[in-house]
Protein backbone atom coordinates (compact mmCIF):
# COMPACT_ATOMS: atom_id res chain seq x y z
CA UNK A 1 0.00 0.00 0.00
CA UNK A 2 1.41 3.40 -0.98
CA UNK A 3 1.05 6.47 1.15
CA UNK A 4 -0.25 9.56 -0.58
CA UNK A 5 2.36 12.28 -1.10
CA UNK A 6 2.02 15.23 1.28
CA UNK A 7 0.75 18.62 0.22
CA UNK A 8 3.49 21.30 0.13
CA UNK A 9 2.02 23.14 3.13
CA UNK A 10 2.30 19.92 5.17
CA UNK A 11 6.09 19.96 4.65
CA UNK A 12 6.73 23.42 6.11
CA UNK A 13 8.65 23.04 9.37
CA UNK A 14 9.87 19.53 8.57
CA UNK A 15 13.54 18.90 8.00
CA UNK A 16 14.69 17.37 4.74
CA UNK A 17 16.61 14.14 4.83
CA UNK A 18 20.35 14.80 4.60
CA UNK A 19 23.72 13.18 5.13
CA UNK A 20 26.06 15.21 7.30
CA UNK A 21 29.86 15.10 7.39
CA UNK A 22 31.65 15.41 10.74
CA UNK A 23 32.34 19.12 10.40
CA UNK A 24 28.68 19.77 9.53
CA UNK A 25 27.49 17.82 12.56
CA UNK A 26 29.88 19.74 14.80
CA UNK A 27 28.73 23.09 13.38
CA UNK A 28 25.10 22.13 13.72
CA UNK A 29 25.55 21.12 17.36
CA UNK A 30 27.45 24.32 18.14
CA UNK A 31 24.75 26.42 16.49
CA UNK A 32 22.04 24.57 18.40
CA UNK A 33 23.72 24.98 21.78
CA UNK A 34 24.55 28.63 21.07
CA UNK A 35 20.93 29.31 20.09
CA UNK A 36 21.68 30.42 16.55
CA UNK A 37 20.31 29.16 13.23
CA UNK A 38 22.43 26.76 11.19
CA UNK A 39 23.09 28.03 7.65
CA UNK A 40 22.86 24.56 6.06
CA UNK A 41 19.54 23.80 7.74
CA UNK A 42 18.15 27.19 6.74
CA UNK A 43 19.11 26.57 3.09
CA UNK A 44 17.30 23.22 3.09
CA UNK A 45 14.06 24.46 4.67
CA UNK A 46 10.86 24.10 2.70
CA UNK A 47 9.20 27.41 1.92
CA UNK A 48 6.07 28.15 -0.04
CA UNK A 49 6.17 30.89 -2.64
């Protein structure tokens, strides 16, 4: 049984699947603990136009 694909508005706020290298993981953790947005995550966010 196949699931139906989500509507674009259902994807807003969800994170895309990604593979992270060590330096990216380290930067992401630092950004999280310092309370700042991570540039890579921001670039991958779903946005409706």
